[in-house]
PDB file of N, CA and C in Angstrom:
ATOM      1  N   MET A   1       1.874  -5.697  43.410  1.00  0.00           N
ATOM      2  CA  MET A   1       1.763  -5.661  41.955  1.00  0.00           C
ATOM      3  C   MET A   1       1.498  -4.235  41.489  1.00  0.00           C
ATOM      4  N   ASP A   2       1.953  -3.962  40.303  1.00  0.00           N
ATOM      5  CA  ASP A   2       1.754  -2.650  39.702  1.00  0.00           C
ATOM      6  C   ASP A   2       0.515  -2.714  38.802  1.00  0.00           C
ATOM      7  N   TYR A   3      -0.667  -2.548  39.417  1.00  0.00           N
ATOM      8  CA  TYR A   3      -1.921  -2.706  38.685  1.00  0.00           C
ATOM      9  C   TYR A   3      -2.101  -1.658  37.592  1.00  0.00           C
ATOM     10  N   ASP A   4      -1.620  -0.463  37.818  1.00  0.00           N
ATOM     11  CA  ASP A   4      -1.732   0.582  36.801  1.00  0.00           C
ATOM     12  C   ASP A   4      -0.994   0.181  35.526  1.00  0.00           C
ATOM     13  N   ARG A   5       0.197  -0.362  35.673  1.00  0.00           N
ATOM     14  CA  ARG A   5       0.981  -0.788  34.520  1.00  0.00           C
ATOM     15  C   ARG A   5       0.283  -1.928  33.788  1.00  0.00           C
ATOM     16  N   ILE A   6      -0.267  -2.862  34.547  1.00  0.00           N
ATOM     17  CA  ILE A   6      -0.971  -3.998  33.952  1.00  0.00           C
ATOM     18  C   ILE A   6      -2.198  -3.523  33.184  1.00  0.00           C
ATOM     19  N   VAL A   7      -2.950  -2.616  33.762  1.00  0.00           N
ATOM     20  CA  VAL A   7      -4.143  -2.083  33.101  1.00  0.00           C
ATOM     21  C   VAL A   7      -3.759  -1.343  31.822  1.00  0.00           C
ATOM     22  N   LEU A   8      -2.708  -0.525  31.870  1.00  0.00           N
ATOM     23  CA  LEU A   8      -2.262   0.200  30.681  1.00  0.00           C
ATOM     24  C   LEU A   8      -1.809  -0.759  29.590  1.00  0.00           C
ATOM     25  N   GLU A   9      -1.108  -1.817  29.980  1.00  0.00           N
ATOM     26  CA  GLU A   9      -0.668  -2.803  28.995  1.00  0.00           C
ATOM     27  C   GLU A   9      -1.866  -3.502  28.364  1.00  0.00           C
ATOM     28  N   MET A  10      -2.858  -3.831  29.160  1.00  0.00           N
ATOM     29  CA  MET A  10      -4.061  -4.478  28.624  1.00  0.00           C
ATOM     30  C   MET A  10      -4.802  -3.545  27.683  1.00  0.00           C
ATOM     31  N   LEU A  11      -4.911  -2.275  28.039  1.00  0.00           N
ATOM     32  CA  LEU A  11      -5.573  -1.310  27.166  1.00  0.00           C
ATOM     33  C   LEU A  11      -4.820  -1.154  25.850  1.00  0.00           C
ATOM     34  N   ASN A  12      -3.509  -1.161  25.905  1.00  0.00           N
ATOM     35  CA  ASN A  12      -2.705  -1.082  24.699  1.00  0.00           C
ATOM     36  C   ASN A  12      -2.950  -2.295  23.808  1.00  0.00           C
ATOM     37  N   ARG A  13      -2.963  -3.478  24.404  1.00  0.00           N
ATOM     38  CA  ARG A  13      -3.226  -4.693  23.634  1.00  0.00           C
ATOM     39  C   ARG A  13      -4.626  -4.687  23.031  1.00  0.00           C
ATOM     40  N   ILE A  14      -5.592  -4.194  23.766  1.00  0.00           N
ATOM     41  CA  ILE A  14      -6.962  -4.096  23.249  1.00  0.00           C
ATOM     42  C   ILE A  14      -6.998  -3.159  22.052  1.00  0.00           C
ATOM     43  N   GLY A  15      -6.293  -2.039  22.144  1.00  0.00           N
ATOM     44  CA  GLY A  15      -6.238  -1.100  21.023  1.00  0.00           C
ATOM     45  C   GLY A  15      -5.649  -1.735  19.785  1.00  0.00           C
ATOM     46  N   ILE A  16      -4.586  -2.494  19.953  1.00  0.00           N
ATOM     47  CA  ILE A  16      -3.957  -3.180  18.823  1.00  0.00           C
ATOM     48  C   ILE A  16      -4.927  -4.190  18.222  1.00  0.00           C
ATOM     49  N   LEU A  17      -5.597  -4.951  19.055  1.00  0.00           N
ATOM     50  CA  LEU A  17      -6.569  -5.930  18.564  1.00  0.00           C
ATOM     51  C   LEU A  17      -7.733  -5.259  17.834  1.00  0.00           C
ATOM     52  N   GLU A  18      -8.194  -4.127  18.339  1.00  0.00           N
ATOM     53  CA  GLU A  18      -9.276  -3.400  17.671  1.00  0.00           C
ATOM     54  C   GLU A  18      -8.848  -2.944  16.282  1.00  0.00           C
ATOM     55  N   GLU A  19      -7.593  -2.488  16.147  1.00  0.00           N
ATOM     56  CA  GLU A  19      -7.085  -2.080  14.837  1.00  0.00           C
ATOM     57  C   GLU A  19      -7.028  -3.265  13.887  1.00  0.00           C
ATOM     58  N   LYS A  20      -6.585  -4.409  14.378  1.00  0.00           N
ATOM     59  CA  LYS A  20      -6.500  -5.604  13.536  1.00  0.00           C
ATOM     60  C   LYS A  20      -7.882  -6.070  13.103  1.00  0.00           C
ATOM     61  N   VAL A  21      -8.835  -6.048  14.002  1.00  0.00           N
ATOM     62  CA  VAL A  21     -10.205  -6.442  13.669  1.00  0.00           C
ATOM     63  C   VAL A  21     -10.787  -5.489  12.629  1.00  0.00           C
ATOM     64  N   SER A  22     -10.558  -4.208  12.806  1.00  0.00           N
ATOM     65  CA  SER A  22     -11.051  -3.216  11.852  1.00  0.00           C
ATOM     66  C   SER A  22     -10.467  -3.451  10.467  1.00  0.00           C
ATOM     67  N   ALA A  23      -9.168  -3.722  10.407  1.00  0.00           N
ATOM     68  CA  ALA A  23      -8.521  -3.985   9.116  1.00  0.00           C
ATOM     69  C   ALA A  23      -9.090  -5.239   8.470  1.00  0.00           C
ATOM     70  N   LEU A  24      -9.330  -6.265   9.262  1.00  0.00           N
ATOM     71  CA  LEU A  24      -9.915  -7.498   8.722  1.00  0.00           C
ATOM     72  C   LEU A  24     -11.338  -7.274   8.223  1.00  0.00           C
ATOM     73  N   GLU A  25     -12.106  -6.481   8.950  1.00  0.00           N
ATOM     74  CA  GLU A  25     -13.471  -6.189   8.519  1.00  0.00           C
ATOM     75  C   GLU A  25     -13.476  -5.407   7.213  1.00  0.00           C
ATOM     76  N   GLU A  26     -12.573  -4.442   7.079  1.00  0.00           N
ATOM     77  CA  GLU A  26     -12.474  -3.672   5.838  1.00  0.00           C
ATOM     78  C   GLU A  26     -12.092  -4.576   4.685  1.00  0.00           C
ATOM     79  N   LYS A  27     -11.143  -5.462   4.924  1.00  0.00           N
ATOM     80  CA  LYS A  27     -10.686  -6.379   3.880  1.00  0.00           C
ATOM     81  C   LYS A  27     -11.815  -7.313   3.467  1.00  0.00           C
ATOM     82  N   ARG A  28     -12.595  -7.776   4.427  1.00  0.00           N
ATOM     83  CA  ARG A  28     -13.697  -8.691   4.140  1.00  0.00           C
ATOM     84  C   ARG A  28     -14.757  -8.013   3.279  1.00  0.00           C
ATOM     85  N   ASN A  29     -14.958  -6.720   3.468  1.00  0.00           N
ATOM     86  CA  ASN A  29     -15.981  -5.996   2.728  1.00  0.00           C
ATOM     87  C   ASN A  29     -15.519  -5.517   1.364  1.00  0.00           C
ATOM     88  N   MET A  30     -14.245  -5.710   1.030  1.00  0.00           N
ATOM     89  CA  MET A  30     -13.732  -5.278  -0.265  1.00  0.00           C
ATOM     90  C   MET A  30     -14.035  -6.352  -1.303  1.00  0.00           C
ATOM     91  N   PRO A  31     -14.419  -5.940  -2.524  1.00  0.00           N
ATOM     92  CA  PRO A  31     -14.704  -6.929  -3.559  1.00  0.00           C
ATOM     93  C   PRO A  31     -13.449  -7.668  -3.980  1.00  0.00           C
ATOM     94  N   GLU A  32     -13.596  -8.945  -4.257  1.00  0.00           N
ATOM     95  CA  GLU A  32     -12.479  -9.745  -4.740  1.00  0.00           C
ATOM     96  C   GLU A  32     -12.234  -9.442  -6.199  1.00  0.00           C
ATOM     97  N   THR A  33     -10.993  -9.395  -6.577  1.00  0.00           N
ATOM     98  CA  THR A  33     -10.657  -9.238  -7.984  1.00  0.00           C
ATOM     99  C   THR A  33     -10.107 -10.559  -8.481  1.00  0.00           C
ATOM    100  N   ASN A  34     -10.177 -10.754  -9.757  1.00  0.00           N
ATOM    101  CA  ASN A  34      -9.667 -11.982 -10.345  1.00  0.00           C
ATOM    102  C   ASN A  34      -8.150 -12.014 -10.267  1.00  0.00           C
ATOM    103  N   GLN A  35      -7.602 -13.193  -9.991  1.00  0.00           N
ATOM    104  CA  GLN A  35      -6.161 -13.343 -10.010  1.00  0.00           C
ATOM    105  C   GLN A  35      -5.694 -13.231 -11.454  1.00  0.00           C
ATOM    106  N   THR A  36      -4.674 -12.471 -11.678  1.00  0.00           N
ATOM    107  CA  THR A  36      -4.148 -12.302 -13.020  1.00  0.00           C
ATOM    108  C   THR A  36      -2.731 -12.821 -13.069  1.00  0.00           C
ATOM    109  N   ASP A  37      -2.180 -12.890 -14.254  1.00  0.00           N
ATOM    110  CA  ASP A  37      -0.854 -13.454 -14.408  1.00  0.00           C
ATOM    111  C   ASP A  37       0.204 -12.685 -13.629  1.00  0.00           C
ATOM    112  N   TYR A  38       0.080 -11.385 -13.483  1.00  0.00           N
ATOM    113  CA  TYR A  38       1.080 -10.595 -12.759  1.00  0.00           C
ATOM    114  C   TYR A  38       0.932 -10.715 -11.254  1.00  0.00           C
ATOM    115  N   SER A  39      -0.220 -11.158 -10.776  1.00  0.00           N
ATOM    116  CA  SER A  39      -0.475 -11.138  -9.340  1.00  0.00           C
ATOM    117  C   SER A  39       0.293 -12.207  -8.569  1.00  0.00           C
ATOM    118  N   GLN A  40       0.997 -13.080  -9.239  1.00  0.00           N
ATOM    119  CA  GLN A  40       1.765 -14.103  -8.531  1.00  0.00           C
ATOM    120  C   GLN A  40       2.790 -13.489  -7.578  1.00  0.00           C
ATOM    121  N   GLY A  41       3.475 -12.435  -7.991  1.00  0.00           N
ATOM    122  CA  GLY A  41       4.495 -11.823  -7.153  1.00  0.00           C
ATOM    123  C   GLY A  41       3.991 -10.675  -6.302  1.00  0.00           C
ATOM    124  N   VAL A  42       2.720 -10.333  -6.437  1.00  0.00           N
ATOM    125  CA  VAL A  42       2.157  -9.183  -5.727  1.00  0.00           C
ATOM    126  C   VAL A  42       1.439  -9.667  -4.469  1.00  0.00           C
ATOM    127  N   SER A  43       1.747  -9.047  -3.340  1.00  0.00           N
ATOM    128  CA  SER A  43       1.079  -9.436  -2.099  1.00  0.00           C
ATOM    129  C   SER A  43      -0.390  -9.031  -2.150  1.00  0.00           C
ATOM    130  N   LYS A  44      -1.208  -9.760  -1.419  1.00  0.00           N
ATOM    131  CA  LYS A  44      -2.640  -9.443  -1.370  1.00  0.00           C
ATOM    132  C   LYS A  44      -2.874  -8.034  -0.840  1.00  0.00           C
ATOM    133  N   LYS A  45      -2.011  -7.601   0.042  1.00  0.00           N
ATOM    134  CA  LYS A  45      -2.152  -6.277   0.650  1.00  0.00           C
ATOM    135  C   LYS A  45      -2.112  -5.171  -0.406  1.00  0.00           C
ATOM    136  N   TYR A  46      -1.254  -5.326  -1.413  1.00  0.00           N
ATOM    137  CA  TYR A  46      -1.070  -4.277  -2.417  1.00  0.00           C
ATOM    138  C   TYR A  46      -1.635  -4.651  -3.785  1.00  0.00           C
ATOM    139  N   ARG A  47      -2.423  -5.718  -3.858  1.00  0.00           N
ATOM    140  CA  ARG A  47      -2.973  -6.185  -5.127  1.00  0.00           C
ATOM    141  C   ARG A  47      -3.868  -5.136  -5.786  1.00  0.00           C
ATOM    142  N   PHE A  48      -4.605  -4.362  -5.011  1.00  0.00           N
ATOM    143  CA  PHE A  48      -5.510  -3.376  -5.603  1.00  0.00           C
ATOM    144  C   PHE A  48      -4.752  -2.269  -6.330  1.00  0.00           C
ATOM    145  N   LEU A  49      -3.569  -1.920  -5.831  1.00  0.00           N
ATOM    146  CA  LEU A  49      -2.743  -0.942  -6.537  1.00  0.00           C
ATOM    147  C   LEU A  49      -2.240  -1.536  -7.844  1.00  0.00           C
ATOM    148  N   ALA A  50      -1.787  -2.781  -7.816  1.00  0.00           N
ATOM    149  CA  ALA A  50      -1.331  -3.445  -9.038  1.00  0.00           C
ATOM    150  C   ALA A  50      -2.464  -3.522 -10.056  1.00  0.00           C
ATOM    151  N   ASP A  51      -3.663  -3.868  -9.608  1.00  0.00           N
ATOM    152  CA  ASP A  51      -4.822  -3.932 -10.508  1.00  0.00           C
ATOM    153  C   ASP A  51      -5.122  -2.563 -11.112  1.00  0.00           C
ATOM    154  N   TYR A  52      -5.067  -1.533 -10.282  1.00  0.00           N
ATOM    155  CA  TYR A  52      -5.344  -0.173 -10.759  1.00  0.00           C
ATOM    156  C   TYR A  52      -4.355   0.234 -11.839  1.00  0.00           C
ATOM    157  N   LEU A  53      -3.082   0.019 -11.578  1.00  0.00           N
ATOM    158  CA  LEU A  53      -2.059   0.398 -12.558  1.00  0.00           C
ATOM    159  C   LEU A  53      -2.159  -0.452 -13.816  1.00  0.00           C
ATOM    160  N   HIS A  54      -2.409  -1.727 -13.642  1.00  0.00           N
ATOM    161  CA  HIS A  54      -2.525  -2.638 -14.784  1.00  0.00           C
ATOM    162  C   HIS A  54      -3.676  -2.232 -15.709  1.00  0.00           C
ATOM    163  N   ASP A  55      -4.780  -1.826 -15.114  1.00  0.00           N
ATOM    164  CA  ASP A  55      -5.971  -1.466 -15.885  1.00  0.00           C
ATOM    165  C   ASP A  55      -5.896  -0.065 -16.479  1.00  0.00           C
ATOM    166  N   ASN A  56      -4.870   0.693 -16.114  1.00  0.00           N
ATOM    167  CA  ASN A  56      -4.720   2.059 -16.597  1.00  0.00           C
ATOM    168  C   ASN A  56      -3.822   2.050 -17.831  1.00  0.00           C
ATOM    169  N   SER A  57      -4.229   2.763 -18.870  1.00  0.00           N
ATOM    170  CA  SER A  57      -3.468   2.762 -20.120  1.00  0.00           C
ATOM    171  C   SER A  57      -2.501   3.942 -20.239  1.00  0.00           C
ATOM    172  N   GLU A  58      -2.448   4.797 -19.224  1.00  0.00           N
ATOM    173  CA  GLU A  58      -1.582   5.968 -19.268  1.00  0.00           C
ATOM    174  C   GLU A  58      -0.114   5.577 -19.119  1.00  0.00           C
ATOM    175  N   GLU A  59       0.748   6.297 -19.797  1.00  0.00           N
ATOM    176  CA  GLU A  59       2.188   6.082 -19.665  1.00  0.00           C
ATOM    177  C   GLU A  59       2.692   6.627 -18.328  1.00  0.00           C
ATOM    178  N   THR A  60       2.107   7.732 -17.896  1.00  0.00           N
ATOM    179  CA  THR A  60       2.485   8.368 -16.637  1.00  0.00           C
ATOM    180  C   THR A  60       1.235   8.531 -15.785  1.00  0.00           C
ATOM    181  N   ILE A  61       1.349   8.126 -14.523  1.00  0.00           N
ATOM    182  CA  ILE A  61       0.209   8.208 -13.605  1.00  0.00           C
ATOM    183  C   ILE A  61       0.670   8.918 -12.336  1.00  0.00           C
ATOM    184  N   LYS A  62       0.020  10.026 -12.026  1.00  0.00           N
ATOM    185  CA  LYS A  62       0.305  10.772 -10.798  1.00  0.00           C
ATOM    186  C   LYS A  62      -0.818  10.495  -9.807  1.00  0.00           C
ATOM    187  N   LEU A  63      -0.448  10.038  -8.622  1.00  0.00           N
ATOM    188  CA  LEU A  63      -1.430   9.747  -7.584  1.00  0.00           C
ATOM    189  C   LEU A  63      -1.031  10.439  -6.286  1.00  0.00           C
ATOM    190  N   HIS A  64      -1.991  11.139  -5.696  1.00  0.00           N
ATOM    191  CA  HIS A  64      -1.774  11.698  -4.363  1.00  0.00           C
ATOM    192  C   HIS A  64      -1.935  10.569  -3.350  1.00  0.00           C
ATOM    193  N   PHE A  65      -1.311  10.721  -2.215  1.00  0.00           N
ATOM    194  CA  PHE A  65      -1.333   9.664  -1.218  1.00  0.00           C
ATOM    195  C   PHE A  65      -2.756   9.302  -0.793  1.00  0.00           C
ATOM    196  N   ASP A  66      -3.644  10.299  -0.707  1.00  0.00           N
ATOM    197  CA  ASP A  66      -5.028   9.987  -0.324  1.00  0.00           C
ATOM    198  C   ASP A  66      -5.719   9.153  -1.402  1.00  0.00           C
ATOM    199  N   GLU A  67      -5.385   9.374  -2.674  1.00  0.00           N
ATOM    200  CA  GLU A  67      -5.923   8.542  -3.754  1.00  0.00           C
ATOM    201  C   GLU A  67      -5.393   7.112  -3.636  1.00  0.00           C
ATOM    202  N   LEU A  68      -4.111   6.989  -3.335  1.00  0.00           N
ATOM    203  CA  LEU A  68      -3.518   5.663  -3.134  1.00  0.00           C
ATOM    204  C   LEU A  68      -4.207   4.925  -1.990  1.00  0.00           C
ATOM    205  N   GLU A  69      -4.487   5.637  -0.933  1.00  0.00           N
ATOM    206  CA  GLU A  69      -5.154   5.012   0.211  1.00  0.00           C
ATOM    207  C   GLU A  69      -6.561   4.545  -0.144  1.00  0.00           C
ATOM    208  N   ARG A  70      -7.252   5.297  -0.985  1.00  0.00           N
ATOM    209  CA  ARG A  70      -8.579   4.854  -1.433  1.00  0.00           C
ATOM    210  C   ARG A  70      -8.460   3.605  -2.305  1.00  0.00           C
ATOM    211  N   ILE A  71      -7.468   3.569  -3.167  1.00  0.00           N
ATOM    212  CA  ILE A  71      -7.252   2.407  -4.027  1.00  0.00           C
ATOM    213  C   ILE A  71      -6.902   1.177  -3.191  1.00  0.00           C
ATOM    214  N   LEU A  72      -6.000   1.360  -2.236  1.00  0.00           N
ATOM    215  CA  LEU A  72      -5.545   0.248  -1.399  1.00  0.00           C
ATOM    216  C   LEU A  72      -6.594  -0.200  -0.391  1.00  0.00           C
ATOM    217  N   GLY A  73      -7.378   0.752   0.092  1.00  0.00           N
ATOM    218  CA  GLY A  73      -8.372   0.426   1.102  1.00  0.00           C
ATOM    219  C   GLY A  73      -7.851   0.533   2.526  1.00  0.00           C
ATOM    220  N   PHE A  74      -6.692   1.139   2.688  1.00  0.00           N
ATOM    221  CA  PHE A  74      -6.139   1.346   4.027  1.00  0.00           C
ATOM    222  C   PHE A  74      -5.175   2.524   3.993  1.00  0.00           C
ATOM    223  N   LYS A  75      -4.867   3.037   5.175  1.00  0.00           N
ATOM    224  CA  LYS A  75      -3.949   4.169   5.303  1.00  0.00           C
ATOM    225  C   LYS A  75      -2.514   3.705   5.077  1.00  0.00           C
ATOM    226  N   LEU A  76      -1.769   4.498   4.333  1.00  0.00           N
ATOM    227  CA  LEU A  76      -0.356   4.205   4.120  1.00  0.00           C
ATOM    228  C   LEU A  76       0.395   4.288   5.446  1.00  0.00           C
ATOM    229  N   PRO A  77       1.457   3.510   5.594  1.00  0.00           N
ATOM    230  CA  PRO A  77       2.238   3.601   6.840  1.00  0.00           C
ATOM    231  C   PRO A  77       2.955   4.946   6.938  1.00  0.00           C
ATOM    232  N   ASN A  78       3.317   5.315   8.130  1.00  0.00           N
ATOM    233  CA  ASN A  78       4.008   6.585   8.353  1.00  0.00           C
ATOM    234  C   ASN A  78       5.273   6.702   7.520  1.00  0.00           C
ATOM    235  N   SER A  79       5.957   5.593   7.289  1.00  0.00           N
ATOM    236  CA  SER A  79       7.200   5.625   6.507  1.00  0.00           C
ATOM    237  C   SER A  79       6.959   6.076   5.076  1.00  0.00           C
ATOM    238  N   ALA A  80       5.767   5.862   4.539  1.00  0.00           N
ATOM    239  CA  ALA A  80       5.444   6.313   3.182  1.00  0.00           C
ATOM    240  C   ALA A  80       5.414   7.834   3.108  1.00  0.00           C
ATOM    241  N   TYR A  81       5.048   8.466   4.206  1.00  0.00           N
ATOM    242  CA  TYR A  81       4.973   9.922   4.267  1.00  0.00           C
ATOM    243  C   TYR A  81       6.318  10.565   4.618  1.00  0.00           C
ATOM    244  N   ALA A  82       7.215   9.783   5.202  1.00  0.00           N
ATOM    245  CA  ALA A  82       8.441  10.361   5.732  1.00  0.00           C
ATOM    246  C   ALA A  82       9.717   9.980   4.987  1.00  0.00           C
ATOM    247  N   HIS A  83       9.709   8.847   4.294  1.00  0.00           N
ATOM    248  CA  HIS A  83      10.943   8.339   3.711  1.00  0.00           C
ATOM    249  C   HIS A  83      10.801   8.040   2.226  1.00  0.00           C
ATOM    250  N   ARG A  84      11.624   8.674   1.443  1.00  0.00           N
ATOM    251  CA  ARG A  84      11.638   8.434  -0.006  1.00  0.00           C
ATOM    252  C   ARG A  84      11.909   6.963  -0.319  1.00  0.00           C
ATOM    253  N   ALA A  85      12.697   6.311   0.519  1.00  0.00           N
ATOM    254  CA  ALA A  85      13.064   4.914   0.292  1.00  0.00           C
ATOM    255  C   ALA A  85      11.853   3.985   0.258  1.00  0.00           C
ATOM    256  N   PHE A  86      10.757   4.364   0.906  1.00  0.00           N
ATOM    257  CA  PHE A  86       9.551   3.543   0.871  1.00  0.00           C
ATOM    258  C   PHE A  86       9.090   3.324  -0.567  1.00  0.00           C
ATOM    259  N   TRP A  87       9.319   4.309  -1.427  1.00  0.00           N
ATOM    260  CA  TRP A  87       8.834   4.289  -2.807  1.00  0.00           C
ATOM    261  C   TRP A  87       9.891   3.811  -3.808  1.00  0.00           C
ATOM    262  N   ALA A  88      10.979   3.263  -3.321  1.00  0.00           N
ATOM    263  CA  ALA A  88      12.067   2.812  -4.191  1.00  0.00           C
ATOM    264  C   ALA A  88      11.610   1.663  -5.092  1.00  0.00           C
ATOM    265  N   ASN A  89      12.177   1.620  -6.280  1.00  0.00           N
ATOM    266  CA  ASN A  89      11.897   0.553  -7.240  1.00  0.00           C
ATOM    267  C   ASN A  89      12.783  -0.652  -6.928  1.00  0.00           C
ATOM    268  N   THR A  90      12.383  -1.389  -5.904  1.00  0.00           N
ATOM    269  CA  THR A  90      13.177  -2.529  -5.466  1.00  0.00           C
ATOM    270  C   THR A  90      12.290  -3.757  -5.304  1.00  0.00           C
ATOM    271  N   THR A  91      12.824  -4.898  -5.661  1.00  0.00           N
ATOM    272  CA  THR A  91      12.047  -6.132  -5.548  1.00  0.00           C
ATOM    273  C   THR A  91      12.072  -6.711  -4.143  1.00  0.00           C
ATOM    274  N   THR A  92      12.707  -6.018  -3.210  1.00  0.00           N
ATOM    275  CA  THR A  92      12.753  -6.513  -1.833  1.00  0.00           C
ATOM    276  C   THR A  92      11.619  -5.962  -0.971  1.00  0.00           C
ATOM    277  N   HIS A  93      10.783  -5.085  -1.524  1.00  0.00           N
ATOM    278  CA  HIS A  93       9.651  -4.536  -0.779  1.00  0.00           C
ATOM    279  C   HIS A  93       8.350  -4.906  -1.486  1.00  0.00           C
ATOM    280  N   SER A  94       7.406  -5.421  -0.735  1.00  0.00           N
ATOM    281  CA  SER A  94       6.150  -5.883  -1.327  1.00  0.00           C
ATOM    282  C   SER A  94       5.373  -4.755  -1.989  1.00  0.00           C
ATOM    283  N   VAL A  95       5.446  -3.545  -1.449  1.00  0.00           N
ATOM    284  CA  VAL A  95       4.716  -2.441  -2.068  1.00  0.00           C
ATOM    285  C   VAL A  95       5.278  -2.151  -3.457  1.00  0.00           C
ATOM    286  N   ALA A  96       6.593  -2.201  -3.615  1.00  0.00           N
ATOM    287  CA  ALA A  96       7.210  -1.926  -4.922  1.00  0.00           C
ATOM    288  C   ALA A  96       6.848  -2.987  -5.945  1.00  0.00           C
ATOM    289  N   LEU A  97       6.680  -4.214  -5.505  1.00  0.00           N
ATOM    290  CA  LEU A  97       6.301  -5.280  -6.438  1.00  0.00           C
ATOM    291  C   LEU A  97       4.935  -5.008  -7.068  1.00  0.00           C
ATOM    292  N   SER A  98       4.092  -4.247  -6.379  1.00  0.00           N
ATOM    293  CA  SER A  98       2.759  -3.957  -6.919  1.00  0.00           C
ATOM    294  C   SER A  98       2.829  -3.106  -8.174  1.00  0.00           C
ATOM    295  N   TRP A  99       3.822  -2.235  -8.304  1.00  0.00           N
ATOM    296  CA  TRP A  99       3.946  -1.460  -9.540  1.00  0.00           C
ATOM    297  C   TRP A  99       4.962  -2.078 -10.497  1.00  0.00           C
ATOM    298  N   LEU A 100       5.996  -2.687  -9.971  1.00  0.00           N
ATOM    299  CA  LEU A 100       6.988  -3.304 -10.851  1.00  0.00           C
ATOM    300  C   LEU A 100       6.400  -4.482 -11.625  1.00  0.00           C
ATOM    301  N   ALA A 101       5.524  -5.252 -10.983  1.00  0.00           N
ATOM    302  CA  ALA A 101       4.936  -6.432 -11.616  1.00  0.00           C
ATOM    303  C   ALA A 101       4.065  -6.097 -12.817  1.00  0.00           C
ATOM    304  N   VAL A 102       3.563  -4.870 -12.869  1.00  0.00           N
ATOM    305  CA  VAL A 102       2.694  -4.471 -13.983  1.00  0.00           C
ATOM    306  C   VAL A 102       3.390  -3.486 -14.915  1.00  0.00           C
ATOM    307  N   GLY A 103       4.706  -3.372 -14.769  1.00  0.00           N
ATOM    308  CA  GLY A 103       5.479  -2.594 -15.721  1.00  0.00           C
ATOM    309  C   GLY A 103       5.647  -1.122 -15.426  1.00  0.00           C
ATOM    310  N   TYR A 104       5.426  -0.703 -14.207  1.00  0.00           N
ATOM    311  CA  TYR A 104       5.606   0.700 -13.843  1.00  0.00           C
ATOM    312  C   TYR A 104       6.800   0.860 -12.911  1.00  0.00           C
ATOM    313  N   GLU A 105       7.343   2.062 -12.871  1.00  0.00           N
ATOM    314  CA  GLU A 105       8.381   2.443 -11.933  1.00  0.00           C
ATOM    315  C   GLU A 105       8.016   3.789 -11.336  1.00  0.00           C
ATOM    316  N   THR A 106       8.500   4.049 -10.138  1.00  0.00           N
ATOM    317  CA  THR A 106       8.334   5.386  -9.577  1.00  0.00           C
ATOM    318  C   THR A 106       9.396   6.280 -10.210  1.00  0.00           C
ATOM    319  N   VAL A 107       8.969   7.447 -10.667  1.00  0.00           N
ATOM    320  CA  VAL A 107       9.907   8.390 -11.273  1.00  0.00           C
ATOM    321  C   VAL A 107       9.954   9.707 -10.510  1.00  0.00           C
ATOM    322  N   GLU A 108       8.966   9.933  -9.665  1.00  0.00           N
ATOM    323  CA  GLU A 108       8.946  11.154  -8.858  1.00  0.00           C
ATOM    324  C   GLU A 108       8.167  10.887  -7.578  1.00  0.00           C
ATOM    325  N   VAL A 109       8.722  11.335  -6.478  1.00  0.00           N
ATOM    326  CA  VAL A 109       8.059  11.248  -5.178  1.00  0.00           C
ATOM    327  C   VAL A 109       8.176  12.612  -4.528  1.00  0.00           C
ATOM    328  N   ASP A 110       7.039  13.184  -4.157  1.00  0.00           N
ATOM    329  CA  ASP A 110       7.031  14.479  -3.488  1.00  0.00           C
ATOM    330  C   ASP A 110       6.397  14.289  -2.111  1.00  0.00           C
ATOM    331  N   LEU A 111       7.251  14.169  -1.103  1.00  0.00           N
ATOM    332  CA  LEU A 111       6.755  13.939   0.255  1.00  0.00           C
ATOM    333  C   LEU A 111       6.091  15.176   0.840  1.00  0.00           C
ATOM    334  N   ASN A 112       6.480  16.367   0.393  1.00  0.00           N
ATOM    335  CA  ASN A 112       5.866  17.594   0.895  1.00  0.00           C
ATOM    336  C   ASN A 112       4.438  17.743   0.391  1.00  0.00           C
ATOM    337  N   ASN A 113       4.231  17.507  -0.900  1.00  0.00           N
ATOM    338  CA  ASN A 113       2.895  17.633  -1.484  1.00  0.00           C
ATOM    339  C   ASN A 113       2.149  16.307  -1.537  1.00  0.00           C
ATOM    340  N   LYS A 114       2.784  15.262  -1.036  1.00  0.00           N
ATOM    341  CA  LYS A 114       2.169  13.946  -0.868  1.00  0.00           C
ATOM    342  C   LYS A 114       1.627  13.358  -2.177  1.00  0.00           C
ATOM    343  N   PHE A 115       2.514  13.213  -3.147  1.00  0.00           N
ATOM    344  CA  PHE A 115       2.129  12.510  -4.364  1.00  0.00           C
ATOM    345  C   PHE A 115       3.300  11.720  -4.920  1.00  0.00           C
ATOM    346  N   ILE A 116       2.960  10.782  -5.795  1.00  0.00           N
ATOM    347  CA  ILE A 116       3.947   9.939  -6.456  1.00  0.00           C
ATOM    348  C   ILE A 116       3.590   9.858  -7.929  1.00  0.00           C
ATOM    349  N   VAL A 117       4.601   9.743  -8.762  1.00  0.00           N
ATOM    350  CA  VAL A 117       4.390   9.602 -10.199  1.00  0.00           C
ATOM    351  C   VAL A 117       4.972   8.260 -10.628  1.00  0.00           C
ATOM    352  N   PHE A 118       4.131   7.462 -11.276  1.00  0.00           N
ATOM    353  CA  PHE A 118       4.548   6.188 -11.851  1.00  0.00           C
ATOM    354  C   PHE A 118       4.666   6.368 -13.355  1.00  0.00           C
ATOM    355  N   GLU A 119       5.646   5.692 -13.939  1.00  0.00           N
ATOM    356  CA  GLU A 119       5.818   5.748 -15.388  1.00  0.00           C
ATOM    357  C   GLU A 119       5.988   4.333 -15.912  1.00  0.00           C
ATOM    358  N   LYS A 120       5.315   4.038 -17.017  1.00  0.00           N
ATOM    359  CA  LYS A 120       5.409   2.719 -17.605  1.00  0.00           C
ATOM    360  C   LYS A 120       6.814   2.517 -18.152  1.00  0.00           C
ATOM    361  N   LYS A 121       7.419   1.367 -17.839  1.00  0.00           N
ATOM    362  CA  LYS A 121       8.754   1.050 -18.321  1.00  0.00           C
ATOM    363  C   LYS A 121       8.673   0.785 -19.823  1.00  0.00           C
ATOM    364  N   ARG A 122       9.662   1.205 -20.548  1.00  0.00           N
ATOM    365  CA  ARG A 122       9.680   1.033 -21.993  1.00  0.00           C
ATOM    366  C   ARG A 122       9.749  -0.427 -22.412  1.00  0.00           C
ATOM    367  N   SER A 123      10.441  -1.253 -21.648  1.00  0.00           N
ATOM    368  CA  SER A 123      10.646  -2.643 -22.034  1.00  0.00           C
ATOM    369  C   SER A 123       9.470  -3.544 -21.678  1.00  0.00           C
ATOM    370  N   TYR A 124       8.458  -3.008 -21.012  1.00  0.00           N
ATOM    371  CA  TYR A 124       7.349  -3.848 -20.576  1.00  0.00           C
ATOM    372  C   TYR A 124       6.377  -4.075 -21.692  1.00  0.00           C
TER     373      TYR A 124
END
């Protein structure tokens, strides 16, 4: 048997489980917000961003990625830092539903300076 490979695989699985437990503990310690009419289409994962945008009265909101991570309560995935498509205004991605559901769209994404600009849709 290849015991080294088995041990490495077990350590990898333990690392994954530790990350999942940590995420669950963080989620458990976050305050619950009231379900609102827009939250039906918003995933629980991104509900805090939807709440933040909904409660903001600004027409244009610029958020740096670290601010977004504080709002969400978790680190953005690597694809958010590397791919403009992550921030697309599409109803096929749960993250986009968090801003679309409350009447915002992304109008600017700067991956180099790590910020995004949301703008309230006129028809909302």
